[in-house]
Amino acid sequence: MTGLQTHRSLRLALVGIVVAIAASVLFQVAQDGWVPLPSISAYFYSPARGVFVGGLTAAAVALLALSGRDAESILLDVAAVFAPLIAIVPTGYRGRAFVPDDVLPTVRNGVGVYIVMVAAVAVLGIVLAARGGIARRRVVIVGSIAVVTAASLGVLAFTPGLSRGFPFAGGVNLHLIATVCFFAMFAAVPLVTVFGGGERPSSVYRRVYTAVAVVMVAALVLTIIAAIRHPQTVGVLIGEAIALGAFAVFWTTQTIERWRDADPPSILAG
């Protein structure tokens, strides 16, 4: 398989992951008599957990694999840092700031694995950068964010005293932070595509990307407000669904735009 074919397959896989998560949630909503939970993240506590966790983990791998030589790729790398955390560190159970005792061991196990994987990928990135296989700037920026995130999470999850309130130590919702950071990176990608210093897309694509960015920012604001002020309502679910749908539109459109590009900027490391 050529680099271009791999690039196409990874882009299509990400669209498929979004569809799979949406289908899993919709199927569960139907099973529950069309009474939705307050957020997509709340389906962690439902039979949809497997697809939800697996989809986000697969998305992180695909995002890292797609990373290349442009600014968009760095944003996708940072999104990949936070994608697994949305799955590993769950939202509060039934809208309340706690995770059931029978779920916490699974959460801490996931955090431990996350720390190990971040360390392994960081070391690999340093080695590849030293050999010229990856841009040093990418390793420094993304590696620093990943290491700080993993270290902070480890302190909160395993330090005696602090770990008692995990993942809501000090009233801070770690799941919400990871979700906001994840979608913020996705909202920034179309803006970089339109206004960045690289080759600019045609006017039609620019309009689509700009509209998507505006919608994603609005959805992100809605999600934050709903999560803080109205966690028991479906406001977060609506915000997450809009943001996820907007990203799917952007990603599908950009995949079409770059389908015949023999050397897309996200195919090679610089």
C-alpha atoms as a PDB file:
ATOM      1  CA  MET A   1       0.000   0.000   0.000  1.00  0.00           C
ATOM      2  CA  THR A   2       1.387   3.401  -0.978  1.00  0.00           C
ATOM      3  CA  GLY A   3       1.586   6.395   1.341  1.00  0.00           C
ATOM      4  CA  LEU A   4      -1.311   8.049  -0.479  1.00  0.00           C
ATOM      5  CA  GLN A   5      -3.490   4.944  -0.141  1.00  0.00           C
ATOM      6  CA  THR A   6      -2.682   4.757   3.565  1.00  0.00           C
ATOM      7  CA  HIS A   7      -3.525   8.447   3.904  1.00  0.00           C
ATOM      8  CA  ARG A   8      -6.903   7.919   2.242  1.00  0.00           C
ATOM      9  CA  SER A   9      -7.683   4.854   4.346  1.00  0.00           C
ATOM     10  CA  LEU A  10      -6.897   6.636   7.613  1.00  0.00           C
ATOM     11  CA  ARG A  11      -9.057   9.614   6.692  1.00  0.00           C
ATOM     12  CA  LEU A  12     -11.969   7.341   5.778  1.00  0.00           C
ATOM     13  CA  ALA A  13     -11.440   5.363   8.986  1.00  0.00           C
ATOM     14  CA  LEU A  14     -11.925   8.506  11.077  1.00  0.00           C
ATOM     15  CA  VAL A  15     -15.233   9.203   9.351  1.00  0.00           C
ATOM     16  CA  GLY A  16     -16.213   5.599  10.044  1.00  0.00           C
ATOM     17  CA  ILE A  17     -15.345   5.988  13.730  1.00  0.00           C
ATOM     18  CA  VAL A  18     -17.636   9.015  14.047  1.00  0.00           C
ATOM     19  CA  VAL A  19     -20.441   7.073  12.350  1.00  0.00           C
ATOM     20  CA  ALA A  20     -19.864   4.067  14.637  1.00  0.00           C
ATOM     21  CA  ILE A  21     -20.030   6.136  17.835  1.00  0.00           C
ATOM     22  CA  ALA A  22     -23.148   7.953  16.621  1.00  0.00           C
ATOM     23  CA  ALA A  23     -24.818   4.677  15.614  1.00  0.00           C
ATOM     24  CA  SER A  24     -23.991   3.062  18.956  1.00  0.00           C
ATOM     25  CA  VAL A  25     -25.470   5.970  20.910  1.00  0.00           C
ATOM     26  CA  LEU A  26     -28.577   6.146  18.705  1.00  0.00           C
ATOM     27  CA  PHE A  27     -29.130   2.409  19.045  1.00  0.00           C
ATOM     28  CA  GLN A  28     -28.917   2.695  22.830  1.00  0.00           C
ATOM     29  CA  VAL A  29     -31.295   5.677  22.842  1.00  0.00           C
ATOM     30  CA  ALA A  30     -33.773   3.525  20.917  1.00  0.00           C
ATOM     31  CA  GLN A  31     -33.279   0.682  23.400  1.00  0.00           C
ATOM     32  CA  ASP A  32     -34.023   3.123  26.230  1.00  0.00           C
ATOM     33  CA  GLY A  33     -37.344   4.175  24.724  1.00  0.00           C
ATOM     34  CA  TRP A  34     -35.924   7.270  22.999  1.00  0.00           C
ATOM     35  CA  VAL A  35     -35.084   8.892  26.325  1.00  0.00           C
ATOM     36  CA  PRO A  36     -31.523  10.233  25.915  1.00  0.00           C
ATOM     37  CA  LEU A  37     -28.893  10.564  28.609  1.00  0.00           C
ATOM     38  CA  PRO A  38     -27.509  14.062  29.355  1.00  0.00           C
ATOM     39  CA  SER A  39     -24.434  13.623  27.132  1.00  0.00           C
ATOM     40  CA  ILE A  40     -22.708  11.316  24.675  1.00  0.00           C
ATOM     41  CA  SER A  41     -20.068  10.778  27.355  1.00  0.00           C
ATOM     42  CA  ALA A  42     -22.753   9.480  29.736  1.00  0.00           C
ATOM     43  CA  TYR A  43     -23.127   6.441  27.479  1.00  0.00           C
ATOM     44  CA  PHE A  44     -19.891   5.224  29.070  1.00  0.00           C
ATOM     45  CA  TYR A  45     -22.258   3.806  31.708  1.00  0.00           C
ATOM     46  CA  SER A  46     -24.371   1.964  29.139  1.00  0.00           C
ATOM     47  CA  PRO A  47     -23.946  -0.996  26.769  1.00  0.00           C
ATOM     48  CA  ALA A  48     -22.552   1.543  24.264  1.00  0.00           C
ATOM     49  CA  ARG A  49     -19.348   1.782  26.335  1.00  0.00           C
ATOM     50  CA  GLY A  50     -17.411  -0.682  24.180  1.00  0.00           C
ATOM     51  CA  VAL A  51     -17.902   1.247  20.944  1.00  0.00           C
ATOM     52  CA  PHE A  52     -17.437   4.604  22.709  1.00  0.00           C
ATOM     53  CA  VAL A  53     -14.109   3.655  24.317  1.00  0.00           C
ATOM     54  CA  GLY A  54     -12.859   1.643  21.349  1.00  0.00           C
ATOM     55  CA  GLY A  55     -13.802   4.360  18.876  1.00  0.00           C
ATOM     56  CA  LEU A  56     -11.988   7.125  20.737  1.00  0.00           C
ATOM     57  CA  THR A  57      -8.900   4.966  21.209  1.00  0.00           C
ATOM     58  CA  ALA A  58      -8.861   4.073  17.512  1.00  0.00           C
ATOM     59  CA  ALA A  59      -9.341   7.752  16.642  1.00  0.00           C
ATOM     60  CA  ALA A  60      -6.245   8.666  18.666  1.00  0.00           C
ATOM     61  CA  VAL A  61      -4.145   6.122  16.771  1.00  0.00           C
ATOM     62  CA  ALA A  62      -5.465   7.312  13.398  1.00  0.00           C
ATOM     63  CA  LEU A  63      -4.836  10.969  14.259  1.00  0.00           C
ATOM     64  CA  LEU A  64      -1.239  10.233  15.235  1.00  0.00           C
ATOM     65  CA  ALA A  65      -0.709   8.151  12.108  1.00  0.00           C
ATOM     66  CA  LEU A  66      -2.012  10.985   9.920  1.00  0.00           C
ATOM     67  CA  SER A  67       0.346  13.559  11.383  1.00  0.00           C
ATOM     68  CA  GLY A  68       2.633  15.155   8.853  1.00  0.00           C
ATOM     69  CA  ARG A  69       4.496  18.341   8.144  1.00  0.00           C
ATOM     70  CA  ASP A  70       1.890  21.101   8.502  1.00  0.00           C
ATOM     71  CA  ALA A  71       0.344  23.043  11.398  1.00  0.00           C
ATOM     72  CA  GLU A  72      -2.871  21.037  11.080  1.00  0.00           C
ATOM     73  CA  SER A  73      -0.932  17.892  11.874  1.00  0.00           C
ATOM     74  CA  ILE A  74       0.325  19.293  15.171  1.00  0.00           C
ATOM     75  CA  LEU A  75      -3.248  20.144  16.155  1.00  0.00           C
ATOM     76  CA  LEU A  76      -4.331  16.607  15.245  1.00  0.00           C
ATOM     77  CA  ASP A  77      -1.478  15.236  17.364  1.00  0.00           C
ATOM     78  CA  VAL A  78      -2.645  17.286  20.344  1.00  0.00           C
ATOM     79  CA  ALA A  79      -6.217  16.083  19.763  1.00  0.00           C
ATOM     80  CA  ALA A  80      -4.831  12.533  19.835  1.00  0.00           C
ATOM     81  CA  VAL A  81      -3.368  13.238  23.287  1.00  0.00           C
ATOM     82  CA  PHE A  82      -6.827  14.001  24.689  1.00  0.00           C
ATOM     83  CA  ALA A  83      -8.995  11.544  22.709  1.00  0.00           C
ATOM     84  CA  PRO A  84      -8.189   8.493  24.888  1.00  0.00           C
ATOM     85  CA  LEU A  85      -8.776  10.501  28.069  1.00  0.00           C
ATOM     86  CA  ILE A  86     -12.391  11.162  27.075  1.00  0.00           C
ATOM     87  CA  ALA A  87     -12.836   7.388  27.073  1.00  0.00           C
ATOM     88  CA  ILE A  88     -10.552   6.520  30.013  1.00  0.00           C
ATOM     89  CA  VAL A  89     -11.685   9.227  32.463  1.00  0.00           C
ATOM     90  CA  PRO A  90     -15.494   9.132  32.446  1.00  0.00           C
ATOM     91  CA  THR A  91     -17.981  11.872  33.108  1.00  0.00           C
ATOM     92  CA  GLY A  92     -19.934  11.864  36.356  1.00  0.00           C
ATOM     93  CA  TYR A  93     -22.448   9.100  36.927  1.00  0.00           C
ATOM     94  CA  ARG A  94     -26.004  10.261  36.190  1.00  0.00           C
ATOM     95  CA  GLY A  95     -24.915  13.893  36.082  1.00  0.00           C
ATOM     96  CA  ARG A  96     -23.308  13.842  39.529  1.00  0.00           C
ATOM     97  CA  ALA A  97     -19.634  14.504  40.292  1.00  0.00           C
ATOM     98  CA  PHE A  98     -18.576  10.975  41.158  1.00  0.00           C
ATOM     99  CA  VAL A  99     -17.670   7.661  39.549  1.00  0.00           C
ATOM    100  CA  PRO A 100     -19.095   4.440  41.057  1.00  0.00           C
ATOM    101  CA  ASP A 101     -16.661   2.428  43.178  1.00  0.00           C
ATOM    102  CA  ASP A 102     -16.912  -0.601  40.899  1.00  0.00           C
ATOM    103  CA  VAL A 103     -15.807   1.527  37.922  1.00  0.00           C
ATOM    104  CA  LEU A 104     -12.867   3.340  39.566  1.00  0.00           C
ATOM    105  CA  PRO A 105     -10.401   0.399  39.320  1.00  0.00           C
ATOM    106  CA  THR A 106     -11.048   0.272  35.567  1.00  0.00           C
ATOM    107  CA  VAL A 107     -10.474   4.025  35.316  1.00  0.00           C
ATOM    108  CA  ARG A 108      -7.203   3.879  37.257  1.00  0.00           C
ATOM    109  CA  ASN A 109      -6.041   0.932  35.165  1.00  0.00           C
ATOM    110  CA  GLY A 110      -6.700   2.976  32.036  1.00  0.00           C
ATOM    111  CA  VAL A 111      -4.808   5.942  33.463  1.00  0.00           C
ATOM    112  CA  GLY A 112      -1.826   3.708  34.239  1.00  0.00           C
ATOM    113  CA  VAL A 113      -1.798   2.336  30.700  1.00  0.00           C
ATOM    114  CA  TYR A 114      -2.128   5.871  29.309  1.00  0.00           C
ATOM    115  CA  ILE A 115       0.948   7.002  31.274  1.00  0.00           C
ATOM    116  CA  VAL A 116       2.975   4.031  30.027  1.00  0.00           C
ATOM    117  CA  MET A 117       1.941   4.617  26.414  1.00  0.00           C
ATOM    118  CA  VAL A 118       2.702   8.349  26.575  1.00  0.00           C
ATOM    119  CA  ALA A 119       6.168   7.573  27.933  1.00  0.00           C
ATOM    120  CA  ALA A 120       6.776   4.976  25.214  1.00  0.00           C
ATOM    121  CA  VAL A 121       5.574   7.235  22.386  1.00  0.00           C
ATOM    122  CA  ALA A 122       7.576  10.179  23.766  1.00  0.00           C
ATOM    123  CA  VAL A 123      10.782   8.120  23.789  1.00  0.00           C
ATOM    124  CA  LEU A 124      10.049   6.831  20.288  1.00  0.00           C
ATOM    125  CA  GLY A 125       9.406  10.387  19.103  1.00  0.00           C
ATOM    126  CA  ILE A 126      12.745  11.579  20.493  1.00  0.00           C
ATOM    127  CA  VAL A 127      14.572   8.726  18.765  1.00  0.00           C
ATOM    128  CA  LEU A 128      12.838   9.345  15.437  1.00  0.00           C
ATOM    129  CA  ALA A 129      13.448  13.102  15.668  1.00  0.00           C
ATOM    130  CA  ALA A 130      17.143  12.485  16.318  1.00  0.00           C
ATOM    131  CA  ARG A 131      17.264  10.315  13.184  1.00  0.00           C
ATOM    132  CA  GLY A 132      15.434  12.932  11.119  1.00  0.00           C
ATOM    133  CA  GLY A 133      12.223  10.919  10.766  1.00  0.00           C
ATOM    134  CA  ILE A 134       9.994  13.430  12.567  1.00  0.00           C
ATOM    135  CA  ALA A 135      10.151  17.199  12.852  1.00  0.00           C
ATOM    136  CA  ARG A 136      11.736  18.216  16.165  1.00  0.00           C
ATOM    137  CA  ARG A 137       9.157  20.974  16.648  1.00  0.00           C
ATOM    138  CA  ARG A 138       6.368  18.420  16.516  1.00  0.00           C
ATOM    139  CA  VAL A 139       8.043  16.238  19.148  1.00  0.00           C
ATOM    140  CA  VAL A 140       8.740  19.185  21.455  1.00  0.00           C
ATOM    141  CA  ILE A 141       5.233  20.677  21.264  1.00  0.00           C
ATOM    142  CA  VAL A 142       3.142  17.519  21.303  1.00  0.00           C
ATOM    143  CA  GLY A 143       5.517  15.591  23.552  1.00  0.00           C
ATOM    144  CA  SER A 144       5.529  18.339  26.174  1.00  0.00           C
ATOM    145  CA  ILE A 145       1.731  18.525  26.235  1.00  0.00           C
ATOM    146  CA  ALA A 146       1.408  14.739  26.435  1.00  0.00           C
ATOM    147  CA  VAL A 147       3.995  14.305  29.192  1.00  0.00           C
ATOM    148  CA  VAL A 148       2.577  17.132  31.329  1.00  0.00           C
ATOM    149  CA  THR A 149      -0.944  15.760  30.849  1.00  0.00           C
ATOM    150  CA  ALA A 150       0.063  12.201  31.743  1.00  0.00           C
ATOM    151  CA  ALA A 151       2.116  13.300  34.761  1.00  0.00           C
ATOM    152  CA  SER A 152      -0.682  15.509  36.099  1.00  0.00           C
ATOM    153  CA  LEU A 153      -3.199  12.731  35.618  1.00  0.00           C
ATOM    154  CA  GLY A 154      -0.929  10.282  37.422  1.00  0.00           C
ATOM    155  CA  VAL A 155      -0.578  12.611  40.406  1.00  0.00           C
ATOM    156  CA  LEU A 156      -4.336  13.096  40.658  1.00  0.00           C
ATOM    157  CA  ALA A 157      -5.143   9.409  40.180  1.00  0.00           C
ATOM    158  CA  PHE A 158      -2.538   7.775  42.420  1.00  0.00           C
ATOM    159  CA  THR A 159      -1.329  10.269  45.048  1.00  0.00           C
ATOM    160  CA  PRO A 160      -2.766   9.446  48.501  1.00  0.00           C
ATOM    161  CA  GLY A 161      -5.270  12.091  49.513  1.00  0.00           C
ATOM    162  CA  LEU A 162      -5.695  13.576  46.057  1.00  0.00           C
ATOM    163  CA  SER A 163      -6.779  10.269  44.559  1.00  0.00           C
ATOM    164  CA  ARG A 164      -9.739  10.071  46.923  1.00  0.00           C
ATOM    165  CA  GLY A 165     -11.678  12.606  44.863  1.00  0.00           C
ATOM    166  CA  PHE A 166     -10.486  11.372  41.474  1.00  0.00           C
ATOM    167  CA  PRO A 167     -11.568  12.202  38.790  1.00  0.00           C
ATOM    168  CA  PHE A 168     -13.254  15.216  40.411  1.00  0.00           C
ATOM    169  CA  ALA A 169     -10.461  16.287  42.781  1.00  0.00           C
ATOM    170  CA  GLY A 170     -11.055  19.826  44.002  1.00  0.00           C
ATOM    171  CA  GLY A 171     -14.318  19.959  42.092  1.00  0.00           C
ATOM    172  CA  VAL A 172     -12.478  19.932  38.752  1.00  0.00           C
ATOM    173  CA  ASN A 173     -14.146  17.827  36.053  1.00  0.00           C
ATOM    174  CA  LEU A 174     -11.204  16.177  34.278  1.00  0.00           C
ATOM    175  CA  HIS A 175     -13.449  14.586  31.673  1.00  0.00           C
ATOM    176  CA  LEU A 176     -14.863  17.976  30.706  1.00  0.00           C
ATOM    177  CA  ILE A 177     -11.356  19.448  30.410  1.00  0.00           C
ATOM    178  CA  ALA A 178     -10.233  16.611  28.127  1.00  0.00           C
ATOM    179  CA  THR A 179     -13.383  16.949  26.009  1.00  0.00           C
ATOM    180  CA  VAL A 180     -12.998  20.723  25.628  1.00  0.00           C
ATOM    181  CA  CYS A 181      -9.317  20.414  24.683  1.00  0.00           C
ATOM    182  CA  PHE A 182     -10.133  17.679  22.166  1.00  0.00           C
ATOM    183  CA  PHE A 183     -12.867  19.637  20.387  1.00  0.00           C
ATOM    184  CA  ALA A 184     -10.907  22.902  20.625  1.00  0.00           C
ATOM    185  CA  MET A 185      -8.150  21.318  18.527  1.00  0.00           C
ATOM    186  CA  PHE A 186     -10.720  20.189  15.977  1.00  0.00           C
ATOM    187  CA  ALA A 187     -12.251  23.681  15.870  1.00  0.00           C
ATOM    188  CA  ALA A 188      -8.807  25.161  15.246  1.00  0.00           C
ATOM    189  CA  VAL A 189      -7.973  22.828  12.338  1.00  0.00           C
ATOM    190  CA  PRO A 190     -10.404  24.348   9.780  1.00  0.00           C
ATOM    191  CA  LEU A 191      -9.303  27.848  10.834  1.00  0.00           C
ATOM    192  CA  VAL A 192      -5.672  26.928  10.185  1.00  0.00           C
ATOM    193  CA  THR A 193      -6.712  25.409   6.864  1.00  0.00           C
ATOM    194  CA  VAL A 194      -8.382  28.659   5.779  1.00  0.00           C
ATOM    195  CA  PHE A 195      -6.116  31.286   7.333  1.00  0.00           C
ATOM    196  CA  GLY A 196      -2.813  29.435   7.723  1.00  0.00           C
ATOM    197  CA  GLY A 197       0.314  30.197   5.757  1.00  0.00           C
ATOM    198  CA  GLY A 198       0.146  27.081   3.581  1.00  0.00           C
ATOM    199  CA  GLU A 199      -1.630  26.518   0.294  1.00  0.00           C
ATOM    200  CA  ARG A 200      -5.148  27.899   0.654  1.00  0.00           C
ATOM    201  CA  PRO A 201      -8.163  25.867  -0.487  1.00  0.00           C
ATOM    202  CA  SER A 202     -10.575  27.115  -3.149  1.00  0.00           C
ATOM    203  CA  SER A 203     -13.311  29.587  -2.216  1.00  0.00           C
ATOM    204  CA  VAL A 204     -15.981  26.876  -1.938  1.00  0.00           C
ATOM    205  CA  TYR A 205     -13.925  24.844   0.499  1.00  0.00           C
ATOM    206  CA  ARG A 206     -12.955  27.975   2.451  1.00  0.00           C
ATOM    207  CA  ARG A 207     -16.616  28.798   3.022  1.00  0.00           C
ATOM    208  CA  VAL A 208     -17.345  25.283   4.263  1.00  0.00           C
ATOM    209  CA  TYR A 209     -14.323  25.234   6.579  1.00  0.00           C
ATOM    210  CA  THR A 210     -15.102  28.675   8.011  1.00  0.00           C
ATOM    211  CA  ALA A 211     -18.731  27.714   8.663  1.00  0.00           C
ATOM    212  CA  VAL A 212     -17.631  24.480  10.330  1.00  0.00           C
ATOM    213  CA  ALA A 213     -15.215  26.351  12.608  1.00  0.00           C
ATOM    214  CA  VAL A 214     -17.944  28.795  13.683  1.00  0.00           C
ATOM    215  CA  VAL A 215     -20.382  25.954  14.376  1.00  0.00           C
ATOM    216  CA  MET A 216     -17.798  23.994  16.364  1.00  0.00           C
ATOM    217  CA  VAL A 217     -16.860  26.992  18.510  1.00  0.00           C
ATOM    218  CA  ALA A 218     -20.547  27.682  19.212  1.00  0.00           C
ATOM    219  CA  ALA A 219     -21.113  24.002  20.060  1.00  0.00           C
ATOM    220  CA  LEU A 220     -18.097  24.038  22.362  1.00  0.00           C
ATOM    221  CA  VAL A 221     -19.417  27.081  24.239  1.00  0.00           C
ATOM    222  CA  LEU A 222     -22.847  25.438  24.530  1.00  0.00           C
ATOM    223  CA  THR A 223     -21.269  22.249  25.868  1.00  0.00           C
ATOM    224  CA  ILE A 224     -19.245  24.078  28.526  1.00  0.00           C
ATOM    225  CA  ILE A 225     -22.191  26.183  29.719  1.00  0.00           C
ATOM    226  CA  ALA A 226     -24.537  23.197  29.811  1.00  0.00           C
ATOM    227  CA  ALA A 227     -22.001  21.008  31.642  1.00  0.00           C
ATOM    228  CA  ILE A 228     -21.439  23.631  34.335  1.00  0.00           C
ATOM    229  CA  ARG A 229     -24.929  25.084  34.783  1.00  0.00           C
ATOM    230  CA  HIS A 230     -27.332  22.375  33.565  1.00  0.00           C
ATOM    231  CA  PRO A 231     -25.570  18.987  33.804  1.00  0.00           C
ATOM    232  CA  GLN A 232     -28.832  17.072  34.176  1.00  0.00           C
ATOM    233  CA  THR A 233     -30.288  18.321  30.876  1.00  0.00           C
ATOM    234  CA  VAL A 234     -29.500  17.250  27.304  1.00  0.00           C
ATOM    235  CA  GLY A 235     -27.606  20.487  26.607  1.00  0.00           C
ATOM    236  CA  VAL A 236     -24.244  18.734  26.679  1.00  0.00           C
ATOM    237  CA  LEU A 237     -25.568  15.975  24.428  1.00  0.00           C
ATOM    238  CA  ILE A 238     -26.735  18.552  21.886  1.00  0.00           C
ATOM    239  CA  GLY A 239     -23.435  20.445  22.012  1.00  0.00           C
ATOM    240  CA  GLU A 240     -21.363  17.273  21.643  1.00  0.00           C
ATOM    241  CA  ALA A 241     -23.544  15.990  18.806  1.00  0.00           C
ATOM    242  CA  ILE A 242     -23.268  19.283  16.901  1.00  0.00           C
ATOM    243  CA  ALA A 243     -19.493  19.414  17.381  1.00  0.00           C
ATOM    244  CA  LEU A 244     -19.088  15.792  16.311  1.00  0.00           C
ATOM    245  CA  GLY A 245     -21.301  16.319  13.271  1.00  0.00           C
ATOM    246  CA  ALA A 246     -19.461  19.508  12.298  1.00  0.00           C
ATOM    247  CA  PHE A 247     -16.134  17.720  12.491  1.00  0.00           C
ATOM    248  CA  ALA A 248     -17.490  14.887  10.338  1.00  0.00           C
ATOM    249  CA  VAL A 249     -18.566  17.455   7.727  1.00  0.00           C
ATOM    250  CA  PHE A 250     -15.149  19.133   7.785  1.00  0.00           C
ATOM    251  CA  TRP A 251     -13.225  15.876   7.655  1.00  0.00           C
ATOM    252  CA  THR A 252     -15.329  14.439   4.831  1.00  0.00           C
ATOM    253  CA  THR A 253     -15.052  17.669   2.836  1.00  0.00           C
ATOM    254  CA  GLN A 254     -11.296  17.887   3.298  1.00  0.00           C
ATOM    255  CA  THR A 255     -10.936  14.209   2.375  1.00  0.00           C
ATOM    256  CA  ILE A 256     -12.749  14.924  -0.896  1.00  0.00           C
ATOM    257  CA  GLU A 257     -10.582  18.003  -1.493  1.00  0.00           C
ATOM    258  CA  ARG A 258      -7.325  16.111  -0.931  1.00  0.00           C
ATOM    259  CA  TRP A 259      -8.356  12.773  -2.433  1.00  0.00           C
ATOM    260  CA  ARG A 260      -6.291  13.227  -5.603  1.00  0.00           C
ATOM    261  CA  ASP A 261      -3.487  15.205  -3.985  1.00  0.00           C
ATOM    262  CA  ALA A 262      -0.362  13.140  -4.654  1.00  0.00           C
ATOM    263  CA  ASP A 263       1.489  14.802  -1.778  1.00  0.00           C
ATOM    264  CA  PRO A 264      -0.988  15.948   0.903  1.00  0.00           C
ATOM    265  CA  PRO A 265       0.622  17.847   3.794  1.00  0.00           C
ATOM    266  CA  SER A 266      -0.519  15.280   6.341  1.00  0.00           C
ATOM    267  CA  ILE A 267       1.256  12.371   4.672  1.00  0.00           C
ATOM    268  CA  LEU A 268       4.897  13.041   5.524  1.00  0.00           C
ATOM    269  CA  ALA A 269       6.839  14.304   8.507  1.00  0.00           C
ATOM    270  CA  GLY A 270       8.942  17.352   7.871  1.00  0.00           C
END
